[in-house]
Amino acid sequence: MLATLWFAAGSTLRPERREALLDAARTTASEHPLRERCGVTAANDRVVVLRALAARVEPAMQLLAAVWARWREAAWQLPASTPRVWRT
């Protein structure tokens, strides 16, 4: 399965903010079992994208949730509070 997580902004991301998001995702991914099958890029000046390829849903969801938590902290200095829909 292919999993995608994206961070999009309404205006151009400042370079240091974009780099912080990229670094957060890359650090998190480097510690995950899917590290060889995922990548993060800045698709353009407003979007950062994480893609992962996995044989099962669970490992991909774990990676996406971990990166999402890091992005929430890096972008807004907020703790992760898992969306309820992710638990259904």
N, C-alpha and C. Protein backbone atom coordinates (compact mmCIF):
# COMPACT_ATOMS: atom_id res chain seq x y z
N MET A 1 0.82 -1.16 0.00
CA MET A 1 0.00 0.00 0.00
C MET A 1 0.87 1.23 0.00
N LEU A 2 0.37 2.27 -0.60
CA LEU A 2 1.07 3.55 -0.64
C LEU A 2 0.37 4.50 0.32
N ALA A 3 1.13 5.10 1.21
CA ALA A 3 0.58 6.05 2.18
C ALA A 3 1.19 7.41 1.92
N THR A 4 0.38 8.44 2.07
CA THR A 4 0.84 9.81 1.84
C THR A 4 0.35 10.71 2.96
N LEU A 5 1.24 11.55 3.46
CA LEU A 5 0.90 12.56 4.45
C LEU A 5 1.46 13.87 3.92
N TRP A 6 0.67 14.92 3.97
CA TRP A 6 1.16 16.19 3.46
C TRP A 6 0.88 17.31 4.44
N PHE A 7 1.74 18.31 4.38
CA PHE A 7 1.59 19.54 5.14
C PHE A 7 1.48 20.64 4.10
N ALA A 8 0.37 21.35 4.08
CA ALA A 8 0.15 22.41 3.09
C ALA A 8 -0.12 23.72 3.80
N ALA A 9 0.40 24.80 3.23
CA ALA A 9 0.21 26.14 3.78
C ALA A 9 -0.49 27.01 2.74
N GLY A 10 -1.21 28.00 3.21
CA GLY A 10 -1.92 28.91 2.32
C GLY A 10 -1.01 29.91 1.64
N SER A 11 0.18 30.06 2.18
CA SER A 11 1.16 30.95 1.57
C SER A 11 2.52 30.25 1.60
N THR A 12 3.48 30.85 0.96
CA THR A 12 4.81 30.25 0.87
C THR A 12 5.39 30.02 2.27
N LEU A 13 5.89 28.82 2.49
CA LEU A 13 6.55 28.51 3.77
C LEU A 13 7.92 29.18 3.79
N ARG A 14 8.25 29.80 4.90
CA ARG A 14 9.60 30.35 5.04
C ARG A 14 10.59 29.19 4.93
N PRO A 15 11.74 29.42 4.32
CA PRO A 15 12.71 28.32 4.15
C PRO A 15 13.06 27.60 5.44
N GLU A 16 13.23 28.33 6.55
CA GLU A 16 13.59 27.68 7.81
C GLU A 16 12.44 26.84 8.36
N ARG A 17 11.22 27.27 8.13
CA ARG A 17 10.07 26.47 8.57
C ARG A 17 9.95 25.20 7.72
N ARG A 18 10.12 25.34 6.40
CA ARG A 18 10.07 24.18 5.51
C ARG A 18 11.16 23.18 5.87
N GLU A 19 12.37 23.67 6.15
CA GLU A 19 13.47 22.79 6.53
C GLU A 19 13.21 22.10 7.87
N ALA A 20 12.59 22.81 8.79
CA ALA A 20 12.26 22.20 10.09
C ALA A 20 11.26 21.06 9.90
N LEU A 21 10.28 21.25 9.02
CA LEU A 21 9.31 20.19 8.74
C LEU A 21 9.97 19.01 8.05
N LEU A 22 10.82 19.29 7.08
CA LEU A 22 11.55 18.22 6.39
C LEU A 22 12.44 17.45 7.37
N ASP A 23 13.19 18.17 8.20
CA ASP A 23 14.08 17.52 9.17
C ASP A 23 13.30 16.68 10.17
N ALA A 24 12.17 17.19 10.65
CA ALA A 24 11.36 16.43 11.60
C ALA A 24 10.88 15.13 10.99
N ALA A 25 10.40 15.19 9.76
CA ALA A 25 9.92 13.98 9.08
C ALA A 25 11.06 13.01 8.79
N ARG A 26 12.17 13.53 8.34
CA ARG A 26 13.31 12.66 8.01
C ARG A 26 13.88 11.98 9.25
N THR A 27 13.96 12.71 10.34
CA THR A 27 14.46 12.12 11.59
C THR A 27 13.53 11.02 12.07
N THR A 28 12.24 11.31 12.07
CA THR A 28 11.26 10.32 12.51
C THR A 28 11.29 9.09 11.61
N ALA A 29 11.34 9.30 10.30
CA ALA A 29 11.35 8.19 9.35
C ALA A 29 12.63 7.35 9.48
N SER A 30 13.75 8.00 9.78
CA SER A 30 15.02 7.26 9.88
C SER A 30 15.03 6.27 11.03
N GLU A 31 14.13 6.46 12.00
CA GLU A 31 14.05 5.58 13.16
C GLU A 31 12.95 4.53 13.04
N HIS A 32 12.28 4.50 11.90
CA HIS A 32 11.11 3.63 11.70
C HIS A 32 11.48 2.43 10.82
N PRO A 33 10.83 1.28 11.02
CA PRO A 33 11.11 0.11 10.18
C PRO A 33 10.89 0.34 8.67
N LEU A 34 10.08 1.30 8.30
CA LEU A 34 9.84 1.60 6.88
C LEU A 34 10.85 2.59 6.30
N ARG A 35 11.92 2.86 7.03
CA ARG A 35 12.87 3.89 6.60
C ARG A 35 13.42 3.69 5.19
N GLU A 36 13.52 2.46 4.75
CA GLU A 36 14.03 2.17 3.40
C GLU A 36 12.96 2.35 2.33
N ARG A 37 11.72 2.50 2.75
CA ARG A 37 10.61 2.59 1.79
C ARG A 37 9.79 3.84 1.96
N CYS A 38 10.43 4.91 2.38
CA CYS A 38 9.69 6.17 2.52
C CYS A 38 10.62 7.33 2.16
N GLY A 39 10.00 8.46 1.92
CA GLY A 39 10.76 9.66 1.61
C GLY A 39 9.91 10.89 1.84
N VAL A 40 10.60 11.99 2.09
CA VAL A 40 9.89 13.26 2.31
C VAL A 40 10.52 14.31 1.41
N THR A 41 9.67 15.12 0.79
CA THR A 41 10.13 16.16 -0.12
C THR A 41 9.29 17.42 0.07
N ALA A 42 9.82 18.52 -0.40
CA ALA A 42 9.04 19.76 -0.49
C ALA A 42 8.58 19.84 -1.93
N ALA A 43 7.33 19.48 -2.15
CA ALA A 43 6.78 19.42 -3.51
C ALA A 43 6.80 20.79 -4.17
N ASN A 44 6.58 21.83 -3.41
CA ASN A 44 6.72 23.21 -3.86
C ASN A 44 6.89 24.09 -2.63
N ASP A 45 6.79 25.40 -2.79
CA ASP A 45 7.03 26.31 -1.68
C ASP A 45 5.97 26.29 -0.59
N ARG A 46 4.85 25.60 -0.85
CA ARG A 46 3.75 25.57 0.12
C ARG A 46 3.43 24.18 0.65
N VAL A 47 4.09 23.14 0.13
CA VAL A 47 3.70 21.77 0.47
C VAL A 47 4.92 20.91 0.80
N VAL A 48 4.82 20.14 1.88
CA VAL A 48 5.80 19.12 2.24
C VAL A 48 5.05 17.79 2.23
N VAL A 49 5.63 16.78 1.59
CA VAL A 49 4.95 15.50 1.39
C VAL A 49 5.82 14.35 1.89
N LEU A 50 5.19 13.45 2.65
CA LEU A 50 5.81 12.19 3.06
C LEU A 50 5.09 11.07 2.33
N ARG A 51 5.85 10.17 1.72
CA ARG A 51 5.28 9.00 1.06
C ARG A 51 5.95 7.77 1.62
N ALA A 52 5.14 6.71 1.77
CA ALA A 52 5.68 5.45 2.29
C ALA A 52 5.02 4.28 1.57
N LEU A 53 5.78 3.25 1.37
CA LEU A 53 5.30 2.02 0.76
C LEU A 53 5.40 0.92 1.81
N ALA A 54 4.29 0.23 2.05
CA ALA A 54 4.26 -0.80 3.09
C ALA A 54 3.43 -1.99 2.64
N ALA A 55 3.74 -3.15 3.19
CA ALA A 55 2.98 -4.36 2.87
C ALA A 55 1.65 -4.39 3.63
N ARG A 56 1.61 -3.70 4.78
CA ARG A 56 0.40 -3.67 5.61
C ARG A 56 0.09 -2.23 6.03
N VAL A 57 -1.14 -2.00 6.42
CA VAL A 57 -1.59 -0.67 6.81
C VAL A 57 -0.95 -0.20 8.12
N GLU A 58 -0.85 -1.07 9.09
CA GLU A 58 -0.45 -0.69 10.44
C GLU A 58 0.92 0.00 10.49
N PRO A 59 1.97 -0.56 9.87
CA PRO A 59 3.27 0.14 9.93
C PRO A 59 3.22 1.51 9.26
N ALA A 60 2.50 1.61 8.16
CA ALA A 60 2.40 2.90 7.48
C ALA A 60 1.66 3.91 8.35
N MET A 61 0.60 3.48 8.98
CA MET A 61 -0.17 4.38 9.84
C MET A 61 0.66 4.82 11.04
N GLN A 62 1.46 3.92 11.59
CA GLN A 62 2.34 4.28 12.70
C GLN A 62 3.34 5.36 12.28
N LEU A 63 3.91 5.20 11.10
CA LEU A 63 4.87 6.19 10.60
C LEU A 63 4.18 7.53 10.36
N LEU A 64 3.05 7.52 9.69
CA LEU A 64 2.35 8.77 9.42
C LEU A 64 1.93 9.47 10.70
N ALA A 65 1.46 8.72 11.67
CA ALA A 65 1.05 9.32 12.95
C ALA A 65 2.26 9.94 13.67
N ALA A 66 3.39 9.27 13.62
CA ALA A 66 4.59 9.79 14.28
C ALA A 66 5.08 11.07 13.60
N VAL A 67 5.08 11.08 12.28
CA VAL A 67 5.50 12.29 11.56
C VAL A 67 4.50 13.42 11.79
N TRP A 68 3.22 13.10 11.75
CA TRP A 68 2.19 14.11 12.01
C TRP A 68 2.41 14.77 13.38
N ALA A 69 2.73 13.96 14.39
CA ALA A 69 2.97 14.49 15.73
C ALA A 69 4.18 15.42 15.73
N ARG A 70 5.24 15.04 15.04
CA ARG A 70 6.44 15.89 14.97
C ARG A 70 6.15 17.18 14.21
N TRP A 71 5.36 17.08 13.13
CA TRP A 71 5.00 18.28 12.37
C TRP A 71 4.17 19.24 13.21
N ARG A 72 3.25 18.70 14.00
CA ARG A 72 2.39 19.54 14.85
C ARG A 72 3.25 20.32 15.85
N GLU A 73 4.24 19.64 16.38
CA GLU A 73 5.15 20.29 17.32
C GLU A 73 6.04 21.31 16.60
N ALA A 74 6.59 20.93 15.45
CA ALA A 74 7.50 21.82 14.72
C ALA A 74 6.78 23.04 14.14
N ALA A 75 5.57 22.86 13.68
CA ALA A 75 4.85 23.94 13.01
C ALA A 75 4.16 24.89 13.98
N TRP A 76 3.60 24.35 15.06
CA TRP A 76 2.77 25.18 15.95
C TRP A 76 3.12 25.06 17.42
N GLN A 77 4.16 24.30 17.76
CA GLN A 77 4.55 24.08 19.15
C GLN A 77 3.38 23.55 19.97
N LEU A 78 2.61 22.64 19.37
CA LEU A 78 1.47 22.01 20.04
C LEU A 78 1.75 20.53 20.25
N PRO A 79 1.29 19.98 21.36
CA PRO A 79 1.45 18.54 21.56
C PRO A 79 0.51 17.78 20.63
N ALA A 80 0.88 16.57 20.33
CA ALA A 80 0.03 15.74 19.48
C ALA A 80 -1.17 15.25 20.27
N SER A 81 -2.32 15.42 19.71
CA SER A 81 -3.55 14.84 20.26
C SER A 81 -4.20 14.11 19.10
N THR A 82 -4.07 12.81 19.12
CA THR A 82 -4.49 11.98 17.99
C THR A 82 -5.95 12.23 17.63
N PRO A 83 -6.21 12.55 16.37
CA PRO A 83 -7.60 12.73 15.95
C PRO A 83 -8.43 11.47 16.21
N ARG A 84 -9.62 11.66 16.68
CA ARG A 84 -10.50 10.53 17.02
C ARG A 84 -10.72 9.62 15.83
N VAL A 85 -10.83 10.16 14.64
CA VAL A 85 -11.09 9.35 13.45
C VAL A 85 -9.98 8.33 13.20
N TRP A 86 -8.76 8.62 13.67
CA TRP A 86 -7.65 7.69 13.49
C TRP A 86 -7.80 6.44 14.36
N ARG A 87 -8.69 6.46 15.32
CA ARG A 87 -8.87 5.31 16.21
C ARG A 87 -10.05 4.44 15.83
N THR A 88 -10.66 4.73 14.71
CA THR A 88 -11.83 3.92 14.29
C THR A 88 -11.46 2.91 13.24
